[in-house]
Structures are given as C-alpha cells and as structure tokens.
C-alpha cells in the first residue's frame, strides 16, 4: 500500500539480543536483512530473508562478517538477478565466501568457483 500502513515483522523465535538491523537488499521482491546480535565487537551478524510481503523472515546465513565500521560483508550481483555473495567469519576468525541465490539455497566455496568461472 505504498507505506501507508504498518505491519509488524516476525523474525524466528531464536532471535534474541538483537543490537541493530541493516536492510541489505529489496530489489528482488523480498528483503535481505542483516541482524547484529549481542556483542558488536564480534563483528558478525546473521542474514535473514523475508517472504514476498517482507513480514516473515527465515535465517539464511549465520556469522556474516562485518567490517570495523559496521558494514555487512555482502554484495548484490547485479548481473545475475537474485544472486548474492557474502563472507562469513569462521570460529578460527578467518573469512570464508558464501553465495545466496534467490531460492535461498547456500552454495559452498567450491560451488561458487564453479558458478563464477
């Protein structure tokens, strides 16, 4: 309705201690949302993807890396509609690449290399 009415969103029940929210993309008919949980010094957050109405969210990626300035390490691949690249921070502190397609399926590092080459 063009923003004339407000509807409450629903994140998964396990979402607790959220510190901040960042809308990363809305261009594909759903919302990609980065939520920073708890301690900001960990420099990671989780990505959630909404339904087509932008109201119900599901967890799509855990431990999405953030920069020291707070930017989520997430890129929209404009040449491939509905395709995104993101880095996660592993338990060892290293960043690892991940891809998220419009169908909300994650691809691992070796699959990303195949898709990009």
Foldseek 3Di string as FASTA:
>chain_A
DVPPDDDAADEDPPDPQWDDKDFDDCVQQKTWIWTDHDDCVLQFTWIWIGDNVHHYTDTQGGAFGADPVGHTQKADPVVAPQKIKTWGQDPVRDIAIWMAGNVSDIDHPVVVVVVVD
